[in-house]
Amino acid sequence: MNSKVRVICAIGHEEPDRIPLEGVAWGEWSYPFLKNVLIPYFKTEDIDNILENLGIDFRSISMEPSNEFKKKAIYDPRFDYPWGILIANETLKDEWGVIRKLNITKTQSRIIYHPLKDKENLNDYEFPNPEEDGRFDIAEKIIKKWKDKYAISATWGGDSFFCQSWYLRGFNEFIKDLYYNEKFANELLDNLLKIFSYSTKRLIEIGADIICIADDIAMQKGMIISPILFRKYIKPRMKKIIDICKKKGVYVVFHTDGNCEEIIPDLIEIGVDILNPIQPECMDPARIKELYGDKLTLSGTISIQKTLPYGTIEDVKNEVIKRINTCAYNGGFILSPSNQVLLDVKIENFIALYKFAKKYGKYPMNLK
């Protein structure tokens, strides 16, 4: 059974030969960890070689900035949106007009300018054109190379409705829009829907197996926005994207940090197949499996807040076995770190995660 078949089998709630393993498809590894830890450990800059060694069953693609924008931009993967025009030292302006600056550690970026913050309407704002040349060239090459062997997951090259809206508008301003400026909020979200719909269709045409909708709408103990606002603004637009996928037999993963348990029934209702990353400090993976495991595939679940950075190899082994025992029955489970692996994660623990997953994650389960 190759990786592609393994993943599709698991998403279909059947038991493959072993649990599918993830690490890159929805951004579980930070660039600093890859560059400063993984590449030196494996003594190669060949990312495919690293993925092969770890047993990763996915390869990822995305919509890229246009060729025209790249002519003016530089690429710095330390930024959340790595393609941008250098406008000052360690400061990039992405193709949406959002400006980010590296933080003090030089490993992550923060937004310092929101192009729509003081706008009363969108009349003079030009959204990126998803039909421009070059946006899907890299995706086509990756799919041509790997489509028969690996599950191909695809993103729009950034975050989704809620996050991209506040990146453009400013967090406080967009939250106020949702309550008091519905016309602006709806117009902004509808413009995003047009871009995301086109990108989804193109990625599916190219050959994506899974479309990832990434939108951090939850935090450690609950939702960032109320379920009422999610159902009013985000859910119906997500459903339109998901309907595009379902018509073509393509799966959908929804990624949000934190505890989103209040809206899991909504996600199931509109057709989400996979929920990621199920952070164990925020939601109990065993509980989510028990309540929703017949309808949702769980993805992630291994702690990046405790076990991977601060635990021992034995702790990693015990957590992997616990997740397999409580979440892997009847398929519907993909194992990986429960969010971005950062520089505080011990390399020996990271390697142990995949080692033990391959050892104990075989079907039928044998956890002795």
Foldseek 3Di string as FASTA:
>chain_A
DFLAVCVVCQLLLAHDQFFAAAQPAVAQAAPCCCVVPVCVVVVHPPVVVSCVVLRHQEDEEAFAAAPVQQVQWDADSLEQQRTFHDPDVQWGQDPQRWIWHQDPVNRYIDTDDAQAAPPPACPPGDGGDSPHHDRCPVVLVVCVVPVVRHQYEYEHSHAAQQVVVCSRHPNVRLVVCLPPVVVRSQVSSVVRLVSRQVRLLVSVVSPHQEYEHEDAQADAAGGVDDPVSCVVHPLVSVLVSVVSQVVSNHAYEYEYPAAHVVCPVSCLVSHHSEYADPACSHHPLLVCCVVCVVRHQYHAHQHLVDPQLPHDLVSLLVSLLVCCVRHQNSRSYYYDHRHYRDPSGDPVNRSSNSVNSVVQRGPPGDSD
